[in-house]
C-alpha cells in the first residue's frame, strides 16, 4: 500500500490544578480559541474545545505522526503558558498533571460534539468529579481511586 489512511478521534478531559475555578468566564472563549490554534499549528484537527471554570474538553482528530500523550502535552503546555501571560502574575495557573483520553467512533461524533458544547448546562446538575468518573467507567478505564485526584 502506498499511503496510510486513518481517522482517529480523541476526546480529552482534564482539569485545572486541584480543580480550582481558574478559568474566568470572561476569558474562556479566548482560551478555547487559543487551544484550537495550538492544535492546528501542531497538525491536530480540533473539532470542538469547551469547558467550565475548572476543566476542559478537547476533541481532536489525531494524525498518524502524533501520539495521544504528545498531542495533549502540546495543547496543555502552550495554553498554560498563555493563561499565565494573560492573568494576574500571581494567579499561578496550571493544568492538572494527568488527563483522560477517550476514543470516539465516527458514529458517535455528533453526540460527543453536542456533549462538549453543552458543558455549562451539563454542570448545573453534575460535578466535574462525577462526570470524570462516569467517563472512566463508561469507557472501561481501570483506575485506582487512591491515585485518581492527585
N, C-alpha and C. Protein backbone atom coordinates (compact mmCIF):
# COMPACT_ATOMS: atom_id res chain seq x y z
N UNK A 1 0.84 -1.18 0.00
CA UNK A 1 0.00 0.00 0.00
C UNK A 1 0.89 1.24 0.00
N UNK A 2 0.58 2.20 -0.83
CA UNK A 2 1.42 3.38 -1.00
C UNK A 2 1.24 4.42 0.10
N UNK A 3 0.07 4.49 0.70
CA UNK A 3 -0.20 5.51 1.71
C UNK A 3 -0.86 4.89 2.94
N UNK A 4 -0.84 5.64 4.02
CA UNK A 4 -1.55 5.23 5.24
C UNK A 4 -2.77 6.12 5.40
N UNK A 5 -3.88 5.51 5.75
CA UNK A 5 -5.12 6.25 5.93
C UNK A 5 -5.70 5.92 7.29
N UNK A 6 -6.08 6.95 8.01
CA UNK A 6 -6.69 6.71 9.31
C UNK A 6 -7.59 7.87 9.68
N UNK A 7 -8.49 7.60 10.60
CA UNK A 7 -9.34 8.63 11.18
C UNK A 7 -9.49 8.26 12.65
N UNK A 8 -8.78 8.97 13.52
CA UNK A 8 -8.79 8.69 14.95
C UNK A 8 -9.24 9.94 15.68
N UNK A 9 -10.36 9.83 16.37
CA UNK A 9 -10.87 10.94 17.17
C UNK A 9 -10.60 10.67 18.63
N UNK A 10 -10.05 11.66 19.32
CA UNK A 10 -9.75 11.54 20.75
C UNK A 10 -10.44 12.66 21.50
N UNK A 11 -11.16 12.28 22.56
CA UNK A 11 -11.83 13.22 23.47
C UNK A 11 -11.00 13.28 24.74
N UNK A 12 -10.34 14.42 24.95
CA UNK A 12 -9.53 14.64 26.15
C UNK A 12 -10.35 15.38 27.20
N UNK A 13 -10.12 15.04 28.44
CA UNK A 13 -10.75 15.74 29.56
C UNK A 13 -9.66 15.95 30.61
N UNK A 14 -9.53 17.19 31.08
CA UNK A 14 -8.53 17.48 32.12
C UNK A 14 -8.97 18.71 32.89
N UNK A 15 -8.49 18.80 34.12
CA UNK A 15 -8.91 19.91 34.97
C UNK A 15 -7.75 20.84 35.29
N UNK A 16 -8.12 21.96 35.86
CA UNK A 16 -7.13 22.87 36.41
C UNK A 16 -6.51 22.19 37.63
N UNK A 17 -5.36 22.65 38.03
CA UNK A 17 -4.68 22.10 39.21
C UNK A 17 -5.63 22.15 40.41
N UNK A 18 -5.81 21.01 41.06
CA UNK A 18 -6.69 20.87 42.23
C UNK A 18 -8.13 21.25 41.92
N UNK A 19 -8.48 21.25 40.65
CA UNK A 19 -9.83 21.57 40.20
C UNK A 19 -10.31 22.93 40.70
N UNK A 20 -9.37 23.86 40.80
CA UNK A 20 -9.70 25.23 41.22
C UNK A 20 -10.37 25.97 40.06
N UNK A 21 -11.33 26.84 40.35
CA UNK A 21 -12.04 27.58 39.29
C UNK A 21 -11.21 28.74 38.75
N UNK A 22 -10.20 28.42 37.96
CA UNK A 22 -9.25 29.43 37.48
C UNK A 22 -9.56 29.99 36.09
N UNK A 23 -10.52 29.39 35.42
CA UNK A 23 -10.85 29.85 34.06
C UNK A 23 -12.02 30.82 34.16
N UNK A 24 -11.71 32.09 34.06
CA UNK A 24 -12.72 33.13 34.17
C UNK A 24 -13.65 33.08 32.96
N UNK A 25 -14.98 33.14 33.20
CA UNK A 25 -15.91 33.11 32.07
C UNK A 25 -15.65 34.20 31.03
N UNK A 26 -15.07 35.32 31.45
CA UNK A 26 -14.79 36.41 30.53
C UNK A 26 -13.65 36.12 29.57
N UNK A 27 -12.81 35.14 29.89
CA UNK A 27 -11.69 34.85 29.01
C UNK A 27 -11.71 33.42 28.47
N UNK A 28 -12.69 32.64 28.87
CA UNK A 28 -12.69 31.24 28.45
C UNK A 28 -12.77 31.07 26.93
N UNK A 29 -13.58 31.87 26.25
CA UNK A 29 -13.67 31.72 24.79
C UNK A 29 -12.33 31.97 24.11
N UNK A 30 -11.59 32.93 24.64
CA UNK A 30 -10.25 33.20 24.09
C UNK A 30 -9.31 32.02 24.37
N UNK A 31 -9.45 31.41 25.54
CA UNK A 31 -8.63 30.23 25.87
C UNK A 31 -8.96 29.09 24.92
N UNK A 32 -10.24 28.82 24.70
CA UNK A 32 -10.62 27.72 23.81
C UNK A 32 -10.10 28.00 22.39
N UNK A 33 -10.19 29.25 21.93
CA UNK A 33 -9.69 29.61 20.61
C UNK A 33 -8.17 29.42 20.53
N UNK A 34 -7.50 29.83 21.61
CA UNK A 34 -6.04 29.68 21.63
C UNK A 34 -5.66 28.20 21.56
N UNK A 35 -6.35 27.38 22.33
CA UNK A 35 -6.08 25.94 22.33
C UNK A 35 -6.33 25.34 20.94
N UNK A 36 -7.37 25.81 20.27
CA UNK A 36 -7.65 25.34 18.90
C UNK A 36 -6.51 25.75 17.96
N UNK A 37 -6.00 26.96 18.15
CA UNK A 37 -4.87 27.42 17.33
C UNK A 37 -3.63 26.58 17.56
N UNK A 38 -3.37 26.23 18.81
CA UNK A 38 -2.23 25.36 19.13
C UNK A 38 -2.41 24.00 18.45
N UNK A 39 -3.62 23.48 18.54
CA UNK A 39 -3.89 22.18 17.91
C UNK A 39 -3.63 22.26 16.40
N UNK A 40 -4.16 23.29 15.75
CA UNK A 40 -3.97 23.44 14.30
C UNK A 40 -2.49 23.58 13.95
N UNK A 41 -1.77 24.38 14.73
CA UNK A 41 -0.34 24.59 14.49
C UNK A 41 0.42 23.26 14.54
N UNK A 42 -0.04 22.36 15.40
CA UNK A 42 0.62 21.07 15.57
C UNK A 42 -0.01 19.96 14.72
N UNK A 43 -0.76 20.35 13.70
CA UNK A 43 -1.37 19.44 12.74
C UNK A 43 -2.39 18.49 13.37
N UNK A 44 -3.01 18.96 14.45
CA UNK A 44 -4.12 18.26 15.07
C UNK A 44 -5.38 18.96 14.59
N UNK A 45 -6.41 18.24 14.29
CA UNK A 45 -7.63 18.87 13.79
C UNK A 45 -8.61 19.02 14.95
N UNK A 46 -8.77 20.24 15.51
CA UNK A 46 -9.70 20.43 16.62
C UNK A 46 -11.14 20.49 16.10
N UNK A 47 -11.99 19.62 16.63
CA UNK A 47 -13.40 19.63 16.24
C UNK A 47 -14.21 20.52 17.17
N UNK A 48 -13.90 20.47 18.47
CA UNK A 48 -14.54 21.35 19.45
C UNK A 48 -13.69 21.37 20.71
N UNK A 49 -13.64 22.55 21.34
CA UNK A 49 -12.98 22.72 22.63
C UNK A 49 -13.91 23.57 23.47
N UNK A 50 -14.19 23.11 24.68
CA UNK A 50 -15.10 23.81 25.58
C UNK A 50 -14.85 23.31 26.99
N UNK A 51 -15.49 23.95 27.94
CA UNK A 51 -15.34 23.52 29.33
C UNK A 51 -16.01 24.49 30.27
N UNK A 52 -15.52 24.48 31.49
CA UNK A 52 -16.05 25.35 32.54
C UNK A 52 -14.87 25.98 33.27
N UNK A 53 -15.16 26.58 34.41
CA UNK A 53 -14.11 27.28 35.16
C UNK A 53 -13.03 26.36 35.72
N UNK A 54 -13.29 25.04 35.76
CA UNK A 54 -12.28 24.16 36.36
C UNK A 54 -11.83 23.00 35.49
N UNK A 55 -12.30 22.93 34.26
CA UNK A 55 -11.82 21.84 33.40
C UNK A 55 -12.13 22.13 31.93
N UNK A 56 -11.49 21.31 31.08
CA UNK A 56 -11.64 21.47 29.64
C UNK A 56 -11.91 20.13 28.97
N UNK A 57 -12.62 20.19 27.85
CA UNK A 57 -12.84 19.05 26.98
C UNK A 57 -12.28 19.45 25.62
N UNK A 58 -11.49 18.58 25.03
CA UNK A 58 -10.88 18.83 23.73
C UNK A 58 -11.14 17.62 22.86
N UNK A 59 -11.74 17.82 21.72
CA UNK A 59 -11.98 16.74 20.76
C UNK A 59 -11.18 17.05 19.51
N UNK A 60 -10.25 16.16 19.19
CA UNK A 60 -9.40 16.35 18.01
C UNK A 60 -9.39 15.10 17.15
N UNK A 61 -9.01 15.30 15.92
CA UNK A 61 -8.68 14.20 15.02
C UNK A 61 -7.16 14.09 15.07
N UNK A 62 -6.68 12.96 15.47
CA UNK A 62 -5.25 12.76 15.71
C UNK A 62 -4.57 12.22 14.44
N UNK A 63 -3.48 12.87 14.00
CA UNK A 63 -2.75 12.36 12.83
C UNK A 63 -1.89 11.15 13.21
N UNK A 64 -1.47 10.42 12.23
CA UNK A 64 -0.66 9.21 12.48
C UNK A 64 0.71 9.53 13.07
N UNK A 65 1.16 10.76 12.93
CA UNK A 65 2.51 11.13 13.36
C UNK A 65 2.59 11.63 14.81
N UNK A 66 1.46 11.73 15.49
CA UNK A 66 1.44 12.28 16.84
C UNK A 66 0.78 11.29 17.80
N UNK A 67 1.42 11.07 18.94
CA UNK A 67 0.84 10.18 19.94
C UNK A 67 -0.24 10.90 20.74
N UNK A 68 -1.07 10.13 21.41
CA UNK A 68 -2.12 10.68 22.26
C UNK A 68 -1.50 11.60 23.32
N UNK A 69 -0.43 11.14 23.96
CA UNK A 69 0.22 11.92 25.01
C UNK A 69 0.88 13.19 24.49
N UNK A 70 1.54 13.11 23.35
CA UNK A 70 2.21 14.28 22.78
C UNK A 70 1.21 15.36 22.38
N UNK A 71 0.08 14.96 21.83
CA UNK A 71 -0.93 15.92 21.40
C UNK A 71 -1.43 16.75 22.57
N UNK A 72 -1.78 16.11 23.67
CA UNK A 72 -2.33 16.86 24.80
C UNK A 72 -1.23 17.63 25.53
N UNK A 73 -0.01 17.12 25.50
CA UNK A 73 1.11 17.86 26.09
C UNK A 73 1.29 19.19 25.37
N UNK A 74 1.19 19.18 24.05
CA UNK A 74 1.34 20.41 23.27
C UNK A 74 0.23 21.40 23.61
N UNK A 75 -0.99 20.92 23.68
CA UNK A 75 -2.14 21.81 23.94
C UNK A 75 -2.11 22.33 25.37
N UNK A 76 -1.90 21.47 26.34
CA UNK A 76 -1.89 21.90 27.74
C UNK A 76 -0.70 22.81 28.05
N UNK A 77 0.46 22.46 27.53
CA UNK A 77 1.66 23.26 27.81
C UNK A 77 1.55 24.68 27.28
N UNK A 78 1.17 24.80 26.02
CA UNK A 78 1.07 26.12 25.41
C UNK A 78 -0.06 26.94 26.03
N UNK A 79 -1.19 26.31 26.33
CA UNK A 79 -2.32 27.06 26.89
C UNK A 79 -2.05 27.49 28.33
N UNK A 80 -1.30 26.70 29.08
CA UNK A 80 -0.92 27.09 30.43
C UNK A 80 -0.01 28.32 30.39
N UNK A 81 0.95 28.30 29.49
CA UNK A 81 1.85 29.44 29.30
C UNK A 81 1.05 30.68 28.91
N UNK A 82 0.10 30.51 27.99
CA UNK A 82 -0.73 31.62 27.53
C UNK A 82 -1.58 32.17 28.67
N UNK A 83 -2.18 31.29 29.45
CA UNK A 83 -3.01 31.74 30.58
C UNK A 83 -2.18 32.55 31.57
N UNK A 84 -1.00 32.08 31.89
CA UNK A 84 -0.17 32.81 32.84
C UNK A 84 0.28 34.16 32.29
N UNK A 85 0.39 34.28 30.99
CA UNK A 85 0.72 35.56 30.38
C UNK A 85 -0.45 36.52 30.30
N UNK A 86 -1.65 36.01 30.45
CA UNK A 86 -2.85 36.84 30.33
C UNK A 86 -3.61 37.03 31.63
N UNK A 87 -3.14 36.43 32.70
CA UNK A 87 -3.78 36.58 34.00
C UNK A 87 -2.88 37.39 34.93
N UNK A 88 -3.41 37.71 36.06
CA UNK A 88 -2.62 38.34 37.11
C UNK A 88 -1.37 37.49 37.35
N UNK A 89 -0.23 38.14 37.48
CA UNK A 89 1.03 37.39 37.62
C UNK A 89 1.07 36.47 38.84
N UNK A 90 0.17 36.67 39.80
CA UNK A 90 0.13 35.82 40.98
C UNK A 90 -0.87 34.68 40.85
N UNK A 91 -1.49 34.54 39.70
CA UNK A 91 -2.54 33.53 39.55
C UNK A 91 -1.98 32.11 39.62
N UNK A 92 -0.79 31.90 39.07
CA UNK A 92 -0.18 30.57 39.10
C UNK A 92 -1.02 29.52 38.39
N UNK A 93 -1.58 29.87 37.24
CA UNK A 93 -2.43 28.93 36.52
C UNK A 93 -1.65 27.68 36.14
N UNK A 94 -2.27 26.53 36.39
CA UNK A 94 -1.71 25.24 35.97
C UNK A 94 -2.85 24.28 35.68
N UNK A 95 -2.60 23.42 34.71
CA UNK A 95 -3.49 22.29 34.49
C UNK A 95 -3.04 21.15 35.41
N UNK A 96 -3.94 20.23 35.71
CA UNK A 96 -3.54 19.04 36.45
C UNK A 96 -2.53 18.27 35.61
N UNK A 97 -1.76 17.42 36.24
CA UNK A 97 -0.73 16.68 35.51
C UNK A 97 -1.32 15.66 34.55
N UNK A 98 -2.39 15.00 34.93
CA UNK A 98 -2.95 13.94 34.11
C UNK A 98 -4.08 14.39 33.21
N UNK A 99 -4.71 13.43 32.57
CA UNK A 99 -5.83 13.69 31.67
C UNK A 99 -6.54 12.38 31.40
N UNK A 100 -7.75 12.49 30.90
CA UNK A 100 -8.46 11.34 30.36
C UNK A 100 -8.45 11.48 28.85
N UNK A 101 -8.27 10.38 28.15
CA UNK A 101 -8.29 10.38 26.69
C UNK A 101 -9.15 9.21 26.24
N UNK A 102 -10.19 9.51 25.50
CA UNK A 102 -11.16 8.50 25.12
C UNK A 102 -11.35 8.51 23.61
N UNK A 103 -11.28 7.34 23.00
CA UNK A 103 -11.51 7.26 21.56
C UNK A 103 -13.00 7.44 21.28
N UNK A 104 -13.28 8.06 20.16
CA UNK A 104 -14.66 8.32 19.77
C UNK A 104 -14.88 7.74 18.37
N UNK A 105 -15.89 6.91 18.26
CA UNK A 105 -16.24 6.33 16.96
C UNK A 105 -16.90 7.38 16.07
N UNK A 106 -16.70 7.26 14.79
CA UNK A 106 -17.33 8.16 13.82
C UNK A 106 -18.83 8.23 14.06
N UNK A 107 -19.44 7.10 14.38
CA UNK A 107 -20.89 7.05 14.60
C UNK A 107 -21.34 7.82 15.84
N UNK A 108 -20.41 8.14 16.75
CA UNK A 108 -20.76 8.86 17.98
C UNK A 108 -20.20 10.28 17.99
N UNK A 109 -19.66 10.72 16.88
CA UNK A 109 -19.02 12.03 16.81
C UNK A 109 -19.99 13.18 17.08
N UNK A 110 -21.15 13.16 16.45
CA UNK A 110 -22.12 14.24 16.65
C UNK A 110 -22.57 14.32 18.11
N UNK A 111 -22.81 13.18 18.73
CA UNK A 111 -23.22 13.18 20.15
C UNK A 111 -22.12 13.72 21.05
N UNK A 112 -20.87 13.36 20.75
CA UNK A 112 -19.75 13.84 21.55
C UNK A 112 -19.58 15.34 21.40
N UNK A 113 -19.70 15.85 20.20
CA UNK A 113 -19.61 17.30 19.96
C UNK A 113 -20.71 18.02 20.72
N UNK A 114 -21.93 17.50 20.67
CA UNK A 114 -23.05 18.12 21.39
C UNK A 114 -22.81 18.09 22.89
N UNK A 115 -22.28 16.99 23.39
CA UNK A 115 -21.98 16.85 24.82
C UNK A 115 -20.96 17.90 25.26
N UNK A 116 -19.89 18.06 24.49
CA UNK A 116 -18.86 19.04 24.83
C UNK A 116 -19.41 20.46 24.71
N UNK A 117 -20.18 20.71 23.71
CA UNK A 117 -20.77 22.04 23.51
C UNK A 117 -21.68 22.44 24.66
N UNK A 118 -22.30 21.47 25.30
CA UNK A 118 -23.31 21.70 26.34
C UNK A 118 -22.74 21.65 27.76
N UNK A 119 -21.46 21.91 27.93
CA UNK A 119 -20.83 21.76 29.25
C UNK A 119 -21.43 22.64 30.34
N UNK A 120 -21.73 23.87 30.05
CA UNK A 120 -22.27 24.77 31.08
C UNK A 120 -23.58 24.22 31.64
N UNK A 121 -24.46 23.82 30.76
CA UNK A 121 -25.76 23.28 31.18
C UNK A 121 -25.56 21.96 31.92
N UNK A 122 -24.69 21.13 31.39
CA UNK A 122 -24.43 19.82 31.99
C UNK A 122 -23.96 19.94 33.44
N UNK A 123 -23.11 20.93 33.69
CA UNK A 123 -22.53 21.05 35.03
C UNK A 123 -23.40 21.82 36.02
N UNK A 124 -24.60 22.16 35.62
CA UNK A 124 -25.57 22.68 36.58
C UNK A 124 -26.08 21.55 37.46
N UNK A 125 -25.98 20.31 36.96
CA UNK A 125 -26.51 19.18 37.71
C UNK A 125 -25.48 18.09 38.01
N UNK A 126 -24.25 18.24 37.54
CA UNK A 126 -23.23 17.22 37.80
C UNK A 126 -21.87 17.86 37.99
N UNK A 127 -21.16 17.43 39.02
CA UNK A 127 -19.82 17.96 39.29
C UNK A 127 -18.82 17.40 38.28
N UNK A 128 -17.68 18.06 38.17
CA UNK A 128 -16.62 17.55 37.30
C UNK A 128 -16.17 16.17 37.77
N UNK A 129 -16.02 15.99 39.07
CA UNK A 129 -15.57 14.71 39.61
C UNK A 129 -16.51 13.58 39.20
N UNK A 130 -17.82 13.81 39.32
CA UNK A 130 -18.79 12.78 38.93
C UNK A 130 -18.77 12.55 37.42
N UNK A 131 -18.63 13.62 36.66
CA UNK A 131 -18.55 13.49 35.20
C UNK A 131 -17.34 12.65 34.80
N UNK A 132 -16.21 12.94 35.40
CA UNK A 132 -14.97 12.25 35.06
C UNK A 132 -15.06 10.76 35.40
N UNK A 133 -15.58 10.46 36.59
CA UNK A 133 -15.77 9.06 36.97
C UNK A 133 -16.71 8.35 36.01
N UNK A 134 -17.76 9.03 35.60
CA UNK A 134 -18.71 8.46 34.65
C UNK A 134 -18.04 8.16 33.32
N UNK A 135 -17.20 9.08 32.84
CA UNK A 135 -16.48 8.86 31.59
C UNK A 135 -15.50 7.69 31.69
N UNK A 136 -14.78 7.61 32.81
CA UNK A 136 -13.86 6.50 33.00
C UNK A 136 -14.60 5.17 33.00
N UNK A 137 -15.70 5.11 33.74
CA UNK A 137 -16.47 3.87 33.83
C UNK A 137 -17.13 3.51 32.50
N UNK A 138 -17.71 4.49 31.85
CA UNK A 138 -18.38 4.27 30.56
C UNK A 138 -17.41 3.72 29.51
N UNK A 139 -16.16 4.18 29.59
CA UNK A 139 -15.15 3.77 28.62
C UNK A 139 -14.32 2.57 29.07
N UNK A 140 -14.68 1.99 30.21
CA UNK A 140 -14.00 0.79 30.69
C UNK A 140 -12.56 1.01 31.11
N UNK A 141 -12.25 2.21 31.59
CA UNK A 141 -10.89 2.53 32.02
C UNK A 141 -10.69 2.03 33.45
N UNK A 142 -9.65 1.25 33.66
CA UNK A 142 -9.32 0.78 35.00
C UNK A 142 -8.55 1.87 35.74
N UNK A 143 -8.90 2.11 37.00
CA UNK A 143 -8.22 3.13 37.78
C UNK A 143 -8.27 2.75 39.26
N UNK A 144 -7.34 3.31 40.01
CA UNK A 144 -7.30 3.12 41.46
C UNK A 144 -7.71 4.45 42.07
N UNK A 145 -8.81 4.47 42.82
CA UNK A 145 -9.33 5.71 43.40
C UNK A 145 -8.30 6.44 44.26
N UNK A 146 -7.35 5.72 44.82
CA UNK A 146 -6.33 6.37 45.66
C UNK A 146 -5.48 7.35 44.86
N UNK A 147 -5.37 7.11 43.56
CA UNK A 147 -4.50 7.94 42.74
C UNK A 147 -5.25 8.78 41.71
N UNK A 148 -6.55 8.81 41.85
CA UNK A 148 -7.37 9.48 40.85
C UNK A 148 -7.23 10.99 40.85
N UNK A 149 -7.23 11.61 42.00
CA UNK A 149 -7.27 13.07 42.06
C UNK A 149 -5.94 13.71 42.39
N UNK A 150 -4.91 12.95 42.64
CA UNK A 150 -3.57 13.51 42.88
C UNK A 150 -3.36 14.20 44.18
